[in-house]
């Protein structure tokens, strides 16, 4: 009996070694790859900023000042009236109407100087959803306002909403994957391990899911979602929909890998010592797919980010007044905004950076884990 337990432990250890070694190798080699490291750094900065949005943002997501609707970014001055260098400050701006040109403009109020302050008291929030606080990283005293990226048509701070919108746009991919990947992993593992009629039946079902046109499905389901649902409920629906159409293709790849892995000696050893089929699949076969799983994760997240942004841009995802990069970008689609308010395009730039960084990191990880395409030192 003790000999069987020892063999079981050795088999389990052998099945986990490849996955653990692959992870360590990926982390070490990414540090040596400058392009991949830059991608990791960009993603780290983006996720750190959106994760600390309540602290970094000078205003809340729903805060607004109607008098500053469509106001440009607030100028920051570091030169005093005497010509010397001083602590950064802003001036209060007022909306003025030009009857000759029939347009509004924003002019500074002469003589009003408001220094930028660090760790100021502002709108209350729950830090990490638990700790009540009202400390913001920077800000200015009212009635002056500090808007690094100007205000939108409703007088809301674009910079603050950009951070809060990133919480949705950058997390929806991972939330979808946490649903789709376990489903595809277990489904494909069972299909490939048992083979025969079980494999045929399960793969035909997966192919039916894959044959559903994803874009039309998303548009149809999003259109029939009741308008009475809150943005949180709509967000959950989008996550579930994205996960529902994403697991089938992943399961087919896992199934193909399992067909090859199940013929290896350590699997035969597991059967010989009496391990159950479920234990062999979960503990010994699926960990061997860790290399592909890492690559698939990094390369799949950009697709989900683009899909959510596209839905929100079309008004079928996250809707106002809640922010996401997609519905914020929708406000910048007019020619006047592109020409005269280029800061409105910042959500598009961040989407581009996030997707590019994920693809760069994913390509690097794929090359690192592929001995045929990466030359190790």
Protein backbone atom coordinates (compact mmCIF):
# COMPACT_ATOMS: atom_id res chain seq x y z
CA UNK A 1 0.00 0.00 0.00
CA UNK A 2 2.82 2.40 0.87
CA UNK A 3 4.47 1.62 -2.45
CA UNK A 4 1.32 2.63 -4.33
CA UNK A 5 1.11 5.89 -2.38
CA UNK A 6 4.74 6.62 -3.18
CA UNK A 7 4.19 5.93 -6.88
CA UNK A 8 1.10 8.14 -6.86
CA UNK A 9 3.06 11.00 -5.34
CA UNK A 10 5.86 10.54 -7.85
CA UNK A 11 3.38 10.49 -10.73
CA UNK A 12 1.66 13.63 -9.49
CA UNK A 13 5.01 15.37 -9.02
CA UNK A 14 6.10 14.45 -12.53
CA UNK A 15 2.88 15.79 -14.01
CA UNK A 16 3.27 19.15 -12.27
CA UNK A 17 6.96 19.65 -12.99
CA UNK A 18 6.50 20.76 -16.60
CA UNK A 19 3.94 23.41 -15.72
CA UNK A 20 5.96 24.82 -12.81
CA UNK A 21 9.21 24.89 -14.78
CA UNK A 22 7.45 26.58 -17.68
CA UNK A 23 6.17 29.37 -15.43
CA UNK A 24 9.58 30.01 -13.91
CA UNK A 25 11.21 29.99 -17.31
CA UNK A 26 8.67 32.44 -18.70
CA UNK A 27 9.23 34.95 -15.91
CA UNK A 28 13.02 34.77 -16.19
CA UNK A 29 13.17 35.11 -19.97
CA UNK A 30 10.60 37.90 -20.15
CA UNK A 31 12.91 39.99 -17.97
CA UNK A 32 15.60 39.54 -20.63
CA UNK A 33 13.30 40.42 -23.53
CA UNK A 34 13.13 44.23 -23.64
CA UNK A 35 10.02 44.40 -25.82
CA UNK A 36 8.13 41.88 -23.72
CA UNK A 37 9.27 43.56 -20.51
CA UNK A 38 8.01 46.90 -21.85
CA UNK A 39 4.65 45.27 -22.55
CA UNK A 40 4.51 43.90 -19.01
CA UNK A 41 5.45 47.33 -17.65
CA UNK A 42 2.68 49.04 -19.65
CA UNK A 43 0.11 46.54 -18.41
CA UNK A 44 1.35 46.89 -14.82
CA UNK A 45 0.98 50.69 -14.98
CA UNK A 46 -2.50 50.47 -16.53
CA UNK A 47 -3.81 47.97 -14.01
CA UNK A 48 -2.23 49.83 -11.10
CA UNK A 49 -3.88 53.09 -12.16
CA UNK A 50 -7.34 51.61 -12.70
CA UNK A 51 -7.01 49.55 -9.54
CA UNK A 52 -6.34 52.72 -7.55
CA UNK A 53 -8.83 54.82 -9.53
CA UNK A 54 -10.67 56.00 -6.41
CA UNK A 55 -7.43 57.41 -5.01
CA UNK A 56 -5.86 58.77 -8.21
CA UNK A 57 -9.00 60.29 -9.76
CA UNK A 58 -9.61 63.84 -8.48
CA UNK A 59 -13.39 63.40 -8.89
CA UNK A 60 -15.90 60.57 -8.72
CA UNK A 61 -17.21 58.71 -11.73
CA UNK A 62 -20.61 60.45 -11.61
CA UNK A 63 -19.39 63.87 -10.44
CA UNK A 64 -20.23 66.72 -12.82
CA UNK A 65 -20.13 70.49 -13.17
CA UNK A 66 -22.60 71.55 -15.84
CA UNK A 67 -21.00 74.99 -16.16
CA UNK A 68 -17.85 73.31 -17.54
CA UNK A 69 -19.47 71.05 -20.12
CA UNK A 70 -17.06 70.41 -23.03
CA UNK A 71 -14.38 72.51 -21.34
CA UNK A 72 -10.80 71.82 -22.53
CA UNK A 73 -8.04 70.46 -20.26
CA UNK A 74 -7.17 72.75 -17.37
CA UNK A 75 -3.86 74.57 -17.97
CA UNK A 76 -1.30 74.04 -15.22
CA UNK A 77 1.10 76.90 -14.53
CA UNK A 78 4.50 76.82 -12.86
CA UNK A 79 5.57 80.41 -13.54
CA UNK A 80 4.50 83.10 -11.08
CA UNK A 81 3.42 86.63 -12.03
CA UNK A 82 6.90 87.83 -11.13
CA UNK A 83 8.46 85.38 -13.62
CA UNK A 84 9.89 82.89 -11.12
CA UNK A 85 9.26 79.18 -10.81
CA UNK A 86 6.53 78.33 -8.32
CA UNK A 87 4.46 75.37 -7.14
CA UNK A 88 2.04 74.20 -9.87
CA UNK A 89 -1.30 76.00 -9.81
CA UNK A 90 -4.42 76.50 -11.89
CA UNK A 91 -6.84 79.34 -12.46
CA UNK A 92 -10.59 79.14 -12.29
CA UNK A 93 -12.25 79.21 -15.70
CA UNK A 94 -15.67 80.58 -16.55
CA UNK A 95 -17.91 79.90 -19.52
CA UNK A 96 -18.49 82.95 -21.72
CA UNK A 97 -20.75 83.37 -24.73
CA UNK A 98 -19.53 85.14 -27.85
CA UNK A 99 -22.63 86.60 -29.57
CA UNK A 100 -20.64 87.53 -32.66
CA UNK A 101 -19.61 83.92 -33.40
CA UNK A 102 -22.49 82.29 -31.53
CA UNK A 103 -20.17 80.04 -29.56
CA UNK A 104 -19.04 79.44 -26.00
CA UNK A 105 -15.50 79.80 -24.73
CA UNK A 106 -13.76 79.39 -21.39
CA UNK A 107 -11.71 82.24 -20.01
CA UNK A 108 -9.59 82.37 -16.83
CA UNK A 109 -10.68 84.54 -13.93
CA UNK A 110 -7.83 87.01 -13.48
CA UNK A 111 -6.33 87.08 -10.01
CA UNK A 112 -7.62 83.69 -8.85
CA UNK A 113 -4.74 81.28 -8.22
CA UNK A 114 -5.41 77.80 -6.83
CA UNK A 115 -2.33 75.65 -6.01
CA UNK A 116 -2.50 71.95 -6.81
CA UNK A 117 -2.63 70.05 -3.53
CA UNK A 118 -1.58 66.49 -2.77
CA UNK A 119 -3.66 64.03 -0.73
CA UNK A 120 -6.69 66.29 -0.55
CA UNK A 121 -10.15 65.54 0.82
CA UNK A 122 -12.79 65.00 -1.83
CA UNK A 123 -15.70 62.72 -2.66
CA UNK A 124 -16.00 59.73 -0.29
CA UNK A 125 -15.42 56.21 -1.57
CA UNK A 126 -14.72 52.69 -0.37
CA UNK A 127 -11.02 51.90 -0.88
CA UNK A 128 -10.77 48.34 -2.25
CA UNK A 129 -14.51 48.17 -1.62
CA UNK A 130 -13.94 47.92 2.13
CA UNK A 131 -12.18 50.90 3.72
CA UNK A 132 -14.11 54.20 3.77
CA UNK A 133 -11.99 57.17 2.69
CA UNK A 134 -12.16 60.54 0.97
CA UNK A 135 -8.43 61.11 0.28
CA UNK A 136 -7.52 61.78 -3.36
CA UNK A 137 -3.98 61.91 -4.72
CA UNK A 138 -4.26 65.46 -6.03
CA UNK A 139 -6.81 68.20 -6.52
CA UNK A 140 -7.59 71.89 -6.07
CA UNK A 141 -9.94 73.82 -3.83
CA UNK A 142 -13.37 74.79 -5.15
CA UNK A 143 -14.57 76.69 -7.06
CA UNK A 144 -11.56 75.93 -9.27
CA UNK A 145 -11.49 72.60 -11.10
CA UNK A 146 -8.61 70.42 -12.28
CA UNK A 147 -9.31 68.37 -15.39
CA UNK A 148 -6.23 66.86 -17.04
CA UNK A 149 -8.27 65.70 -20.05
CA UNK A 150 -11.06 68.27 -20.00
CA UNK A 151 -14.76 67.69 -19.38
CA UNK A 152 -17.35 65.81 -21.40
CA UNK A 153 -20.70 67.12 -22.63
CA UNK A 154 -22.21 66.56 -19.20
CA UNK A 155 -19.46 68.37 -17.32
CA UNK A 156 -17.80 65.18 -16.04
CA UNK A 157 -14.04 64.88 -15.66
CA UNK A 158 -12.68 62.77 -18.52
CA UNK A 159 -9.51 61.75 -16.67
CA UNK A 160 -11.45 60.40 -13.69
CA UNK A 161 -13.91 58.55 -15.90
CA UNK A 162 -11.03 57.15 -17.94
CA UNK A 163 -9.69 55.46 -14.81
CA UNK A 164 -13.08 54.15 -13.70
CA UNK A 165 -13.88 53.01 -17.24
CA UNK A 166 -10.65 51.05 -17.33
CA UNK A 167 -11.84 48.99 -14.38
CA UNK A 168 -14.49 47.53 -16.67
CA UNK A 169 -12.61 47.42 -19.96
CA UNK A 170 -9.47 45.82 -18.50
CA UNK A 171 -11.18 43.32 -16.21
CA UNK A 172 -13.96 42.03 -18.43
CA UNK A 173 -11.46 39.94 -20.40
CA UNK A 174 -10.15 38.15 -17.32
CA UNK A 175 -13.63 37.65 -15.87
CA UNK A 176 -14.76 36.09 -19.14
CA UNK A 177 -11.70 33.86 -19.24
CA UNK A 178 -12.27 32.69 -15.66
CA UNK A 179 -15.57 31.30 -16.91
CA UNK A 180 -14.61 30.16 -20.41
CA UNK A 181 -11.21 28.59 -19.70
CA UNK A 182 -12.24 26.20 -16.89
CA UNK A 183 -15.20 25.10 -19.00
CA UNK A 184 -13.06 24.54 -22.08
CA UNK A 185 -10.25 22.93 -20.09
CA UNK A 186 -12.41 20.32 -18.37
CA UNK A 187 -14.68 19.76 -21.38
CA UNK A 188 -11.77 19.26 -23.77
CA UNK A 189 -9.89 17.13 -21.23
CA UNK A 190 -12.80 14.73 -20.78
CA UNK A 191 -13.44 14.54 -24.51
CA UNK A 192 -9.83 13.80 -25.41
CA UNK A 193 -9.25 11.33 -22.58
CA UNK A 194 -12.23 9.06 -23.19
CA UNK A 195 -12.25 9.35 -26.98
CA UNK A 196 -14.63 7.22 -29.06
CA UNK A 197 -18.33 8.07 -29.07
CA UNK A 198 -17.89 10.35 -26.05
CA UNK A 199 -15.35 12.43 -27.98
CA UNK A 200 -17.53 12.53 -31.10
CA UNK A 201 -20.64 13.59 -29.20
CA UNK A 202 -18.87 16.27 -27.15
CA UNK A 203 -17.00 17.74 -30.10
CA UNK A 204 -20.14 17.93 -32.23
CA UNK A 205 -21.78 19.90 -29.42
CA UNK A 206 -18.75 22.21 -29.26
CA UNK A 207 -18.88 22.73 -33.01
CA UNK A 208 -22.53 23.77 -32.74
CA UNK A 209 -21.50 26.46 -30.22
CA UNK A 210 -18.61 27.55 -32.49
CA UNK A 211 -20.93 27.85 -35.49
CA UNK A 212 -23.05 30.52 -33.79
CA UNK A 213 -22.09 33.94 -35.26
CA UNK A 214 -20.64 35.67 -32.22
CA UNK A 215 -21.18 39.26 -33.34
CA UNK A 216 -24.82 38.74 -34.28
CA UNK A 217 -25.43 36.78 -31.09
CA UNK A 218 -23.97 39.57 -28.99
CA UNK A 219 -25.97 42.24 -30.80
CA UNK A 220 -29.19 40.23 -30.51
CA UNK A 221 -28.80 39.37 -26.85
CA UNK A 222 -27.61 42.84 -25.91
CA UNK A 223 -30.56 44.38 -27.74
CA UNK A 224 -33.12 42.30 -25.84
CA UNK A 225 -31.60 42.96 -22.41
CA UNK A 226 -34.18 45.06 -20.53
CA UNK A 227 -33.25 48.71 -20.23
CA UNK A 228 -34.28 48.58 -16.57
CA UNK A 229 -31.20 46.54 -15.71
CA UNK A 230 -28.43 48.36 -13.89
CA UNK A 231 -25.03 48.75 -15.49
CA UNK A 232 -23.63 46.15 -13.07
CA UNK A 233 -26.24 43.62 -14.19
CA UNK A 234 -25.60 44.49 -17.84
CA UNK A 235 -21.87 44.11 -17.21
CA UNK A 236 -22.51 40.63 -15.79
CA UNK A 237 -24.60 39.73 -18.81
CA UNK A 238 -21.84 40.84 -21.19
CA UNK A 239 -19.30 38.72 -19.28
CA UNK A 240 -21.52 35.64 -19.43
CA UNK A 241 -22.24 36.13 -23.13
CA UNK A 242 -18.55 36.52 -23.97
CA UNK A 243 -17.69 33.42 -21.94
CA UNK A 244 -20.49 31.40 -23.54
CA UNK A 245 -19.16 31.90 -27.06
CA UNK A 246 -15.49 31.61 -26.13
CA UNK A 247 -15.04 28.23 -24.45
CA UNK A 248 -15.80 25.88 -27.37
CA UNK A 249 -12.80 26.75 -29.54
CA UNK A 250 -10.48 26.49 -26.55
CA UNK A 251 -11.86 23.05 -25.67
CA UNK A 252 -10.98 21.71 -29.13
CA UNK A 253 -7.34 22.67 -28.71
CA UNK A 254 -7.20 21.10 -25.24
CA UNK A 255 -8.82 17.96 -26.60
CA UNK A 256 -6.10 17.61 -29.24
CA UNK A 257 -3.35 18.01 -26.64
CA UNK A 258 -4.96 15.48 -24.31
CA UNK A 259 -5.16 12.90 -27.12
CA UNK A 260 -1.35 12.97 -27.26
CA UNK A 261 -0.69 13.32 -23.54
CA UNK A 262 -2.89 10.40 -22.45
CA UNK A 263 -0.57 7.93 -24.22
CA UNK A 264 2.47 8.90 -22.15
CA UNK A 265 3.98 6.64 -19.50
CA UNK A 266 3.02 8.64 -16.42
CA UNK A 267 -0.66 8.36 -17.40
CA UNK A 268 -0.30 4.60 -17.76
CA UNK A 269 1.39 4.56 -14.35
CA UNK A 270 -1.55 6.42 -12.85
CA UNK A 271 -3.96 3.86 -14.26
CA UNK A 272 -1.77 1.02 -12.99
CA UNK A 273 -1.88 2.23 -9.39
CA UNK A 274 -5.65 2.54 -9.50
CA UNK A 275 -6.23 6.28 -9.88
CA UNK A 276 -9.68 7.28 -11.08
CA UNK A 277 -10.15 8.72 -14.55
CA UNK A 278 -11.20 12.07 -13.07
CA UNK A 279 -8.07 12.20 -10.91
CA UNK A 280 -5.83 11.38 -13.87
CA UNK A 281 -7.44 14.09 -16.01
CA UNK A 282 -7.43 16.86 -13.37
CA UNK A 283 -4.16 16.13 -11.57
CA UNK A 284 -1.92 14.68 -14.24
CA UNK A 285 -3.08 15.44 -17.78
CA UNK A 286 -4.45 18.98 -17.65
CA UNK A 287 -1.37 20.42 -15.84
CA UNK A 288 0.65 19.34 -18.88
CA UNK A 289 -1.26 21.94 -20.91
CA UNK A 290 0.05 24.80 -18.72
CA UNK A 291 2.35 26.12 -21.44
CA UNK A 292 -0.48 26.50 -23.94
CA UNK A 293 -2.80 27.82 -21.22
CA UNK A 294 -0.40 30.68 -20.42
CA UNK A 295 -0.12 31.66 -24.08
CA UNK A 296 -3.86 31.38 -24.67
CA UNK A 297 -4.61 33.59 -21.67
CA UNK A 298 -2.33 36.40 -22.79
CA UNK A 299 -3.53 36.26 -26.40
CA UNK A 300 -7.25 35.92 -25.60
CA UNK A 301 -7.62 38.89 -23.25
CA UNK A 302 -7.13 41.50 -26.05
CA UNK A 303 -9.98 39.95 -28.01
CA UNK A 304 -12.35 40.28 -25.07
CA UNK A 305 -11.23 43.86 -24.44
CA UNK A 306 -11.91 44.78 -28.07
CA UNK A 307 -15.23 42.96 -28.04
CA UNK A 308 -16.45 44.78 -24.92
CA UNK A 309 -15.22 48.12 -26.24
CA UNK A 310 -16.96 47.51 -29.55
CA UNK A 311 -20.25 46.61 -27.86
CA UNK A 312 -20.09 49.64 -25.59
CA UNK A 313 -19.20 51.83 -28.56
CA UNK A 314 -22.35 50.58 -30.31
CA UNK A 315 -24.40 51.20 -27.18
CA UNK A 316 -24.98 47.49 -26.54
CA UNK A 317 -22.56 46.99 -23.66
CA UNK A 318 -21.89 49.26 -20.71
CA UNK A 319 -24.16 52.28 -21.02
CA UNK A 320 -24.13 55.79 -19.61
CA UNK A 321 -23.87 57.10 -16.97
CA UNK A 322 -21.36 54.34 -16.11
CA UNK A 323 -18.05 54.59 -17.90
CA UNK A 324 -16.10 52.18 -20.07
CA UNK A 325 -13.49 52.96 -22.67
CA UNK A 326 -15.90 51.90 -25.41
CA UNK A 327 -18.76 54.24 -24.55
CA UNK A 328 -16.32 57.07 -23.79
CA UNK A 329 -14.81 56.65 -27.25
CA UNK A 330 -18.28 56.88 -28.73
CA UNK A 331 -18.43 60.54 -27.68
CA UNK A 332 -15.29 61.26 -29.72
CA UNK A 333 -16.59 59.90 -33.03
CA UNK A 334 -17.66 63.28 -34.44
CA UNK A 335 -15.31 65.27 -36.67
CA UNK A 336 -15.35 68.41 -34.44
CA UNK A 337 -14.22 66.36 -31.45
CA UNK A 338 -11.42 64.75 -33.44
CA UNK A 339 -10.22 68.11 -34.75
CA UNK A 340 -10.77 70.38 -31.76
CA UNK A 341 -10.88 68.01 -28.79
CA UNK A 342 -8.25 65.32 -29.47
CA UNK A 343 -8.06 64.47 -25.76
CA UNK A 344 -11.42 62.74 -26.23
CA UNK A 345 -9.56 60.06 -28.20
CA UNK A 346 -7.56 59.00 -25.14
CA UNK A 347 -9.76 55.89 -24.49
CA UNK A 348 -8.90 54.67 -27.99
CA UNK A 349 -5.20 55.18 -27.33
CA UNK A 350 -5.39 53.21 -24.08
CA UNK A 351 -7.29 50.40 -25.79
CA UNK A 352 -4.56 50.32 -28.44
CA UNK A 353 -1.77 50.24 -25.81
CA UNK A 354 -3.46 47.53 -23.75
CA UNK A 355 -4.16 45.28 -26.73
CA UNK A 356 -0.67 45.83 -28.17
CA UNK A 357 0.96 45.08 -24.81
CA UNK A 358 -1.04 41.88 -24.35
CA UNK A 359 -0.17 40.72 -27.87
CA UNK A 360 3.54 41.50 -27.39
CA UNK A 361 3.63 39.61 -24.10
CA UNK A 362 1.63 36.74 -25.58
CA UNK A 363 3.96 36.43 -28.57
CA UNK A 364 7.00 36.49 -26.29
CA UNK A 365 5.54 33.80 -24.04
CA UNK A 366 4.69 31.65 -27.06
CA UNK A 367 8.24 31.96 -28.38
CA UNK A 368 9.72 31.21 -24.97
CA UNK A 369 7.66 28.06 -24.52
CA UNK A 370 8.25 26.86 -28.09
CA UNK A 371 11.72 25.28 -28.32
CA UNK A 372 11.61 25.44 -32.12
CA UNK A 373 11.19 29.23 -32.32
CA UNK A 374 13.15 30.51 -29.31
CA UNK A 375 16.89 30.14 -28.85
CA UNK A 376 17.72 29.78 -25.19
CA UNK A 377 20.99 31.03 -23.80
